[in-house]
Protein backbone atom coordinates (compact mmCIF):
# COMPACT_ATOMS: atom_id res chain seq x y z
CA UNK A 1 -38.48 104.28 -24.62
CA UNK A 2 -36.77 104.67 -21.28
CA UNK A 3 -33.69 102.59 -20.56
CA UNK A 4 -35.31 101.09 -17.47
CA UNK A 5 -38.07 99.57 -19.63
CA UNK A 6 -35.54 97.54 -21.59
CA UNK A 7 -33.85 96.35 -18.40
CA UNK A 8 -37.16 95.25 -16.87
CA UNK A 9 -38.17 93.36 -20.00
CA UNK A 10 -34.72 91.73 -20.16
CA UNK A 11 -34.98 90.70 -16.49
CA UNK A 12 -38.47 89.22 -16.93
CA UNK A 13 -37.55 87.18 -20.02
CA UNK A 14 -34.21 86.14 -18.52
CA UNK A 15 -35.92 84.89 -15.35
CA UNK A 16 -38.54 83.05 -17.38
CA UNK A 17 -35.88 81.27 -19.42
CA UNK A 18 -33.84 80.29 -16.36
CA UNK A 19 -36.90 78.94 -14.58
CA UNK A 20 -37.82 77.00 -17.73
CA UNK A 21 -34.45 75.26 -17.59
CA UNK A 22 -32.68 77.05 -20.44
CA UNK A 23 -28.90 77.10 -19.89
CA UNK A 24 -27.67 80.68 -20.02
CA UNK A 25 -24.60 80.84 -22.25
CA UNK A 26 -23.07 83.62 -24.35
CA UNK A 27 -25.16 82.51 -27.33
CA UNK A 28 -28.30 82.48 -25.19
CA UNK A 29 -27.63 86.05 -24.10
CA UNK A 30 -27.11 87.11 -27.72
CA UNK A 31 -30.38 85.46 -28.69
CA UNK A 32 -32.15 87.19 -25.82
CA UNK A 33 -30.80 90.57 -26.87
CA UNK A 34 -31.84 89.89 -30.47
CA UNK A 35 -35.31 88.90 -29.27
CA UNK A 36 -35.64 92.20 -27.38
CA UNK A 37 -34.35 94.12 -30.40
CA UNK A 38 -36.97 92.48 -32.63
CA UNK A 39 -39.70 93.17 -30.05
CA UNK A 40 -38.67 96.85 -29.94
CA UNK A 41 -38.71 97.03 -33.74
CA UNK A 42 -42.23 95.59 -33.77
CA UNK A 43 -43.43 97.81 -30.93
CA UNK A 44 -41.94 101.01 -32.27
CA UNK A 45 -39.98 103.64 -30.39
CA UNK A 46 -43.02 105.01 -28.56
CA UNK A 47 -44.38 101.63 -27.42
CA UNK A 48 -45.13 101.00 -23.77
CA UNK A 49 -43.55 98.42 -21.47
CA UNK A 50 -46.60 96.13 -21.32
CA UNK A 51 -46.82 95.89 -25.11
CA UNK A 52 -43.06 95.36 -25.41
CA UNK A 53 -43.14 92.57 -22.82
CA UNK A 54 -46.15 90.94 -24.48
CA UNK A 55 -44.45 90.91 -27.87
CA UNK A 56 -41.18 89.66 -26.36
CA UNK A 57 -42.97 86.76 -24.65
CA UNK A 58 -44.70 85.87 -27.91
CA UNK A 59 -41.29 85.76 -29.65
CA UNK A 60 -39.68 83.34 -27.16
CA UNK A 61 -40.54 80.15 -29.13
CA UNK A 62 -38.83 81.57 -32.24
CA UNK A 63 -35.53 81.99 -30.42
CA UNK A 64 -35.42 79.27 -27.79
CA UNK A 65 -36.22 75.58 -27.61
CA UNK A 66 -37.84 75.29 -24.23
CA UNK A 67 -37.62 71.92 -22.52
CA UNK A 68 -40.84 69.97 -22.74
CA UNK A 69 -42.90 69.91 -19.61
CA UNK A 70 -45.41 67.23 -18.76
CA UNK A 71 -47.47 68.32 -15.77
CA UNK A 72 -48.69 65.62 -13.41
CA UNK A 73 -52.33 64.63 -13.34
CA UNK A 74 -54.32 67.30 -11.48
CA UNK A 75 -55.95 64.78 -9.20
CA UNK A 76 -55.40 61.22 -8.01
CA UNK A 77 -57.28 58.51 -9.87
CA UNK A 78 -60.84 58.08 -8.72
CA UNK A 79 -61.56 54.78 -7.03
CA UNK A 80 -64.45 53.62 -4.95
CA UNK A 81 -63.55 53.39 -1.26
CA UNK A 82 -65.06 53.94 2.11
CA UNK A 83 -63.78 56.74 4.33
CA UNK A 84 -65.75 55.60 7.34
CA UNK A 85 -68.96 57.58 6.98
CA UNK A 86 -72.14 55.83 7.89
CA UNK A 87 -75.63 56.76 7.04
CA UNK A 88 -78.28 57.37 9.71
CA UNK A 89 -79.10 53.99 11.23
C-alpha cells in the first residue's frame, strides 16, 4: 500500500476522534497507530484505501471510549395553536 494511503486514513480517523471530543495525548496517538496497524493486518498488503478506512472506522469502538452524545429532539413538541389562517368566510 502506498504511504499516502496510511496518512490519509490516519488524518480521517484523527479528525473524527478530535471532533468527537477525544483528548489527543501520547497514549491516544499510540492507540490510533495500533488501530491502523490492526486495520492493515486485516485488510492485507494489497488492500485499497476505502476498505482500509472502513475497517479502521469499524475498529474505533475497540480502542476508544467516545463521549456519549444525546442529540436534541428533531422537532419542537407538537401543540395545537392558531397561526392566523382563516377559512373562506
